[in-house]
Amino acid sequence: MTTYAVTGASGKLGRLVLDELLQQTDAANIVALARDPSTLQEYDQRGVQVRQADYDDPDSLKAALRGVDRLLLISGNAVGERERQHGNVINAAKEAGVSYIAYTSILKGDRSRLALAPEHVATEKLLAGSGLNYDLLRNGWYSENYTGGLAQALESGKIFGAVGQGKLSTASRRDLAAGAAAALLKGEGGRTYELAGDSGWTMDEFAAEVSRQAGKPIAYVDQSEAEYARVLEGAGLPPPVAAMLASTSALSGHGELYDDSRNLSTLSGRPTTPISETIAAALKG
């Protein structure tokens, strides 16, 4: 029996990966790792092995990974701490005899100019030096990153950004979870997957689709990076976060969040979700 473990299993992506795994393997083969196991009671009740594991606690990781064959390492959300935290997981996996790791990195990681990229690249290097068998799942942006603010857009009639006419190839969180589950179940190691949506779109096209579905005019307002950062600060975001998001928006206008390889749909075995469907789901609430 092969045992499949998922770190960060209580997060939005982690839960969707568990759902995918439950459709393809017996619950007894799945190990869900979370800092607070009580958040995964529904999976425990379905027969999944729920274990306590904290990226900041190497001993908890060593105990949680005992008997695990294959591991999905979902990147942590503590910006600035990821290299150390992920190193803890990799070391524990090596000590526990884990045979394979799939790691959720960032799209075009080794050449990305995005502010979040260096920590992911550092983790990729840790894996390369670990002696473990692994695949890199370089995830693009979630479509939900763009539909999450639709309530404000419907109220103001405007969607702000600094993307220009650049194309984005986002995928839904569920799409990326399906790719991660597929890699965990059958990845052979030695591969780098650039994972993005099947079809690209511009922010003008995004606004037009929102307008069509909402039945009211919604305009995309393109701004400079500095202007967009000020808008984000005005919405209540701390200046460093606003600056990072504005930089990401501007860089995405130059292809940082676009990839046409279709690796994701090939890996998962199904087409990615069109942005129109993610918009429809968001508008329904």
Protein backbone atom coordinates (compact mmCIF):
# COMPACT_ATOMS: atom_id res chain seq x y z
CA MET A 1 0.00 0.00 0.00
CA THR A 2 1.35 3.43 -0.99
CA THR A 3 0.77 6.27 1.48
CA TYR A 4 0.24 9.79 0.15
CA ALA A 5 0.69 12.81 2.44
CA VAL A 6 -0.33 16.44 1.91
CA THR A 7 1.18 19.28 3.95
CA GLY A 8 -0.90 22.39 4.61
CA ALA A 9 -3.95 20.18 4.16
CA SER A 10 -6.29 22.52 6.02
CA GLY A 11 -5.74 25.35 3.53
CA LYS A 12 -7.95 26.04 0.52
CA LEU A 13 -5.63 24.26 -1.92
CA GLY A 14 -4.87 21.43 0.49
CA ARG A 15 -8.53 20.58 1.03
CA LEU A 16 -9.15 20.47 -2.70
CA VAL A 17 -6.18 18.14 -3.14
CA LEU A 18 -7.63 15.84 -0.47
CA ASP A 19 -10.96 15.87 -2.33
CA GLU A 20 -9.20 14.87 -5.55
CA LEU A 21 -7.25 12.09 -3.83
CA LEU A 22 -10.40 10.68 -2.23
CA GLN A 23 -11.84 10.19 -5.72
CA GLN A 24 -8.79 8.21 -6.84
CA THR A 25 -7.47 6.23 -3.88
CA ASP A 26 -8.70 4.77 -0.61
CA ALA A 27 -8.97 7.20 2.30
CA ALA A 28 -6.73 4.95 4.40
CA ASN A 29 -3.88 5.70 1.96
CA ILE A 30 -4.10 9.47 2.54
CA VAL A 31 -2.32 11.39 5.29
CA ALA A 32 -3.46 14.98 5.87
CA LEU A 33 -0.96 17.17 7.73
CA ALA A 34 -2.04 20.35 9.50
CA ARG A 35 -0.85 22.56 12.33
CA ASP A 36 -4.29 22.13 13.93
CA PRO A 37 -5.73 18.68 13.17
CA SER A 38 -9.14 19.69 14.54
CA THR A 39 -9.68 21.76 11.39
CA LEU A 40 -9.80 18.54 9.35
CA GLN A 41 -12.40 16.61 11.33
CA GLU A 42 -14.57 15.97 8.27
CA TYR A 43 -11.67 14.21 6.56
CA ASP A 44 -10.83 12.26 9.68
CA GLN A 45 -14.42 11.03 9.73
CA ARG A 46 -14.03 9.86 6.13
CA GLY A 47 -11.05 7.70 7.05
CA VAL A 48 -8.16 10.00 6.14
CA GLN A 49 -5.21 9.85 8.56
CA VAL A 50 -5.03 13.34 10.06
CA ARG A 51 -1.73 14.18 11.74
CA GLN A 52 -0.37 17.25 13.49
CA ALA A 53 2.56 18.87 11.65
CA ASP A 54 4.00 22.36 11.97
CA TYR A 55 6.52 23.77 9.48
CA ASP A 56 8.23 25.46 12.43
CA ASP A 57 8.47 22.25 14.50
CA PRO A 58 10.90 19.71 12.99
CA ASP A 59 9.99 17.06 15.56
CA SER A 60 6.31 17.24 14.63
CA LEU A 61 7.24 16.85 10.97
CA LYS A 62 9.42 13.81 11.61
CA ALA A 63 6.62 12.11 13.54
CA ALA A 64 3.96 13.05 10.98
CA LEU A 65 5.95 11.68 8.03
CA ARG A 66 6.65 8.25 9.47
CA GLY A 67 5.44 5.61 7.04
CA VAL A 68 4.75 8.14 4.27
CA ASP A 69 5.82 7.11 0.77
CA ARG A 70 4.94 10.14 -1.34
CA LEU A 71 4.57 13.75 -0.20
CA LEU A 72 2.98 16.88 -1.59
CA LEU A 73 4.73 19.91 -0.08
CA ILE A 74 2.36 22.84 -0.38
CA SER A 75 4.35 26.03 0.07
CA GLY A 76 3.76 27.87 3.33
CA ASN A 77 2.21 31.33 3.50
CA ALA A 78 4.75 32.93 5.87
CA VAL A 79 6.59 35.19 3.44
CA GLY A 80 10.21 35.50 4.48
CA GLU A 81 10.17 32.20 6.38
CA ARG A 82 9.51 29.74 3.59
CA GLU A 83 13.04 28.61 2.80
CA ARG A 84 13.64 27.65 6.44
CA GLN A 85 10.20 26.08 6.88
CA HIS A 86 10.36 24.11 3.66
CA GLY A 87 13.86 22.97 4.59
CA ASN A 88 12.41 21.54 7.78
CA VAL A 89 9.91 19.51 5.76
CA ILE A 90 12.51 18.29 3.27
CA ASN A 91 14.89 17.20 6.03
CA ALA A 92 12.10 15.39 7.87
CA ALA A 93 11.01 13.68 4.64
CA LYS A 94 14.53 12.49 4.00
CA GLU A 95 14.86 11.13 7.55
CA ALA A 96 11.47 9.40 7.29
CA GLY A 97 12.41 7.66 4.03
CA VAL A 98 9.87 9.45 1.84
CA SER A 99 10.47 8.29 -1.73
CA TYR A 100 9.02 11.24 -3.66
CA ILE A 101 8.10 14.92 -3.16
CA ALA A 102 6.00 17.21 -5.34
CA TYR A 103 6.49 20.89 -4.45
CA THR A 104 4.15 23.77 -5.33
CA SER A 105 6.55 26.41 -6.63
CA ILE A 106 5.83 29.52 -8.72
CA LEU A 107 5.34 29.84 -12.49
CA LYS A 108 8.66 30.23 -14.35
CA GLY A 109 10.37 30.20 -10.95
CA ASP A 110 14.00 30.21 -12.07
CA ARG A 111 13.46 33.23 -14.32
CA SER A 112 10.53 34.97 -12.64
CA ARG A 113 10.88 38.60 -11.60
CA LEU A 114 8.00 38.39 -9.13
CA ALA A 115 8.83 39.31 -5.54
CA LEU A 116 7.61 35.93 -4.29
CA ALA A 117 9.90 33.94 -6.58
CA PRO A 118 13.23 33.91 -4.66
CA GLU A 119 11.88 31.86 -1.74
CA HIS A 120 10.45 29.31 -4.14
CA VAL A 121 13.72 29.12 -6.06
CA ALA A 122 15.56 28.61 -2.77
CA THR A 123 13.27 25.66 -1.98
CA GLU A 124 13.84 24.22 -5.45
CA LYS A 125 17.58 24.34 -4.71
CA LEU A 126 17.07 22.60 -1.36
CA LEU A 127 15.24 19.80 -3.15
CA ALA A 128 17.97 19.56 -5.79
CA GLY A 129 20.56 19.07 -3.07
CA SER A 130 18.49 16.69 -0.95
CA GLY A 131 19.07 13.51 -2.92
CA LEU A 132 15.30 12.93 -2.93
CA ASN A 133 13.23 12.15 -6.01
CA TYR A 134 10.97 15.13 -6.75
CA ASP A 135 8.89 17.05 -9.26
CA LEU A 136 8.39 20.83 -9.32
CA LEU A 137 4.83 22.07 -9.75
CA ARG A 138 5.31 25.68 -10.77
CA ASN A 139 1.86 27.08 -10.18
CA GLY A 140 0.54 30.14 -11.95
CA TRP A 141 -1.98 32.50 -10.37
CA TYR A 142 -5.41 31.37 -9.23
CA SER A 143 -8.32 32.74 -11.25
CA GLU A 144 -9.94 33.41 -7.88
CA ASN A 145 -7.26 36.06 -7.24
CA TYR A 146 -9.07 38.15 -9.85
CA THR A 147 -12.68 37.28 -9.06
CA GLY A 148 -12.33 37.87 -5.32
CA GLY A 149 -12.83 41.62 -5.71
CA LEU A 150 -15.89 41.55 -7.96
CA ALA A 151 -18.25 42.89 -5.29
CA GLN A 152 -16.32 46.17 -5.21
CA ALA A 153 -16.13 46.21 -9.01
CA LEU A 154 -19.89 45.84 -9.33
CA GLU A 155 -20.37 48.71 -6.90
CA SER A 156 -17.87 51.08 -8.51
CA GLY A 157 -18.16 49.93 -12.13
CA LYS A 158 -14.37 49.73 -12.30
CA ILE A 159 -11.63 47.12 -12.07
CA PHE A 160 -8.17 48.53 -11.39
CA GLY A 161 -4.78 47.10 -12.31
CA ALA A 162 -1.43 47.76 -13.96
CA VAL A 163 -1.43 44.87 -16.45
CA GLY A 164 -1.88 46.90 -19.62
CA GLN A 165 -2.72 44.59 -22.54
CA GLY A 166 -0.65 41.72 -21.17
CA LYS A 167 -2.14 38.24 -21.25
CA LEU A 168 -2.78 36.14 -18.16
CA SER A 169 -3.30 32.37 -18.19
CA THR A 170 -4.81 31.69 -14.79
CA ALA A 171 -6.34 28.45 -13.58
CA SER A 172 -8.85 27.79 -10.85
CA ARG A 173 -7.66 26.59 -7.47
CA ARG A 174 -9.47 23.31 -8.18
CA ASP A 175 -7.57 22.93 -11.47
CA LEU A 176 -4.23 23.29 -9.70
CA ALA A 177 -5.34 20.90 -6.96
CA ALA A 178 -6.13 18.32 -9.63
CA GLY A 179 -2.65 18.74 -11.08
CA ALA A 180 -1.04 18.39 -7.65
CA ALA A 181 -3.04 15.26 -6.87
CA ALA A 182 -2.07 13.74 -10.21
CA ALA A 183 1.62 14.39 -9.57
CA LEU A 184 1.40 12.97 -6.07
CA LEU A 185 -0.28 9.81 -7.33
CA LYS A 186 1.82 9.12 -10.41
CA GLY A 187 4.71 11.60 -10.73
CA GLU A 188 7.99 9.87 -11.49
CA GLY A 189 10.39 12.65 -10.49
CA GLY A 190 12.82 14.73 -12.51
CA ARG A 191 10.13 16.94 -14.05
CA THR A 192 9.40 20.65 -13.86
CA TYR A 193 5.81 21.48 -14.72
CA GLU A 194 4.86 25.05 -15.63
CA LEU A 195 1.19 24.99 -14.60
CA ALA A 196 -1.26 27.53 -15.98
CA GLY A 197 -4.66 27.76 -17.63
CA ASP A 198 -5.29 26.53 -21.15
CA SER A 199 -6.42 29.95 -22.42
CA GLY A 200 -5.05 33.44 -21.94
CA TRP A 201 -7.04 36.61 -21.42
CA THR A 202 -6.47 40.34 -20.93
CA MET A 203 -7.93 42.51 -18.20
CA ASP A 204 -10.07 44.28 -20.82
CA GLU A 205 -11.51 40.89 -21.78
CA PHE A 206 -12.00 40.03 -18.12
CA ALA A 207 -13.94 43.26 -17.50
CA ALA A 208 -16.03 42.70 -20.63
CA GLU A 209 -16.99 39.21 -19.43
CA VAL A 210 -17.91 40.52 -15.99
CA SER A 211 -20.03 43.20 -17.69
CA ARG A 212 -21.80 40.62 -19.83
CA GLN A 213 -22.61 38.32 -16.94
CA ALA A 214 -23.52 41.08 -14.46
CA GLY A 215 -25.62 42.97 -16.97
CA LYS A 216 -23.98 46.29 -16.19
CA PRO A 217 -20.95 48.15 -17.58
CA ILE A 218 -17.68 47.37 -15.83
CA ALA A 219 -14.52 49.05 -17.12
CA TYR A 220 -10.91 48.02 -16.67
CA VAL A 221 -8.89 51.04 -15.54
CA ASP A 222 -5.21 50.56 -16.36
CA GLN A 223 -2.79 52.44 -14.15
CA SER A 224 0.91 52.81 -13.53
CA GLU A 225 2.40 50.55 -10.89
CA ALA A 226 2.64 53.48 -8.44
CA GLU A 227 -0.96 54.56 -9.06
CA TYR A 228 -2.25 51.05 -8.55
CA ALA A 229 -0.26 50.70 -5.31
CA ARG A 230 -1.98 53.85 -4.02
CA VAL A 231 -5.40 52.41 -4.92
CA LEU A 232 -4.58 49.22 -3.00
CA GLU A 233 -3.40 51.22 0.01
CA GLY A 234 -6.63 53.20 -0.16
CA ALA A 235 -8.50 49.89 0.02
CA GLY A 236 -6.78 49.20 3.34
CA LEU A 237 -3.78 47.08 2.37
CA PRO A 238 -0.49 47.71 4.21
CA PRO A 239 1.99 49.60 1.99
CA PRO A 240 4.43 46.65 1.59
CA VAL A 241 1.59 44.32 0.51
CA ALA A 242 0.17 46.96 -1.83
CA ALA A 243 3.60 47.49 -3.38
CA MET A 244 4.10 43.75 -3.92
CA LEU A 245 0.69 43.30 -5.54
CA ALA A 246 1.16 46.35 -7.74
CA SER A 247 4.56 45.06 -8.85
CA THR A 248 3.03 41.67 -9.64
CA SER A 249 0.29 43.32 -11.67
CA ALA A 250 2.77 45.40 -13.66
CA LEU A 251 5.10 42.46 -14.29
CA SER A 252 2.20 40.26 -15.36
CA GLY A 253 1.67 42.72 -18.17
CA HIS A 254 5.02 41.50 -19.51
CA GLY A 255 4.24 37.79 -19.49
CA GLU A 256 5.19 36.78 -15.94
CA LEU A 257 1.82 35.06 -15.40
CA TYR A 258 1.32 33.68 -18.90
CA ASP A 259 2.21 30.21 -20.14
CA ASP A 260 0.76 28.33 -23.10
CA SER A 261 2.32 24.89 -22.50
CA ARG A 262 -0.95 23.32 -21.32
CA ASN A 263 1.08 21.25 -18.88
CA LEU A 264 -1.68 21.54 -16.29
CA SER A 265 -4.48 20.03 -18.35
CA THR A 266 -2.10 17.32 -19.58
CA LEU A 267 -1.07 16.48 -16.02
CA SER A 268 -4.57 16.51 -14.56
CA GLY A 269 -6.18 14.84 -17.56
CA ARG A 270 -8.89 17.47 -17.98
CA PRO A 271 -9.24 20.98 -19.45
CA THR A 272 -8.73 23.89 -17.11
CA THR A 273 -11.70 25.99 -16.03
CA PRO A 274 -12.44 28.94 -18.36
CA ILE A 275 -12.27 32.32 -16.64
CA SER A 276 -15.92 32.85 -17.56
CA GLU A 277 -16.90 29.94 -15.30
CA THR A 278 -14.89 31.28 -12.37
CA ILE A 279 -16.51 34.68 -12.88
CA ALA A 280 -19.97 33.06 -12.93
CA ALA A 281 -19.26 31.20 -9.68
CA ALA A 282 -18.06 34.39 -8.00
CA LEU A 283 -21.09 36.38 -9.10
CA LYS A 284 -23.40 33.71 -7.69
CA GLY A 285 -21.61 34.09 -4.36
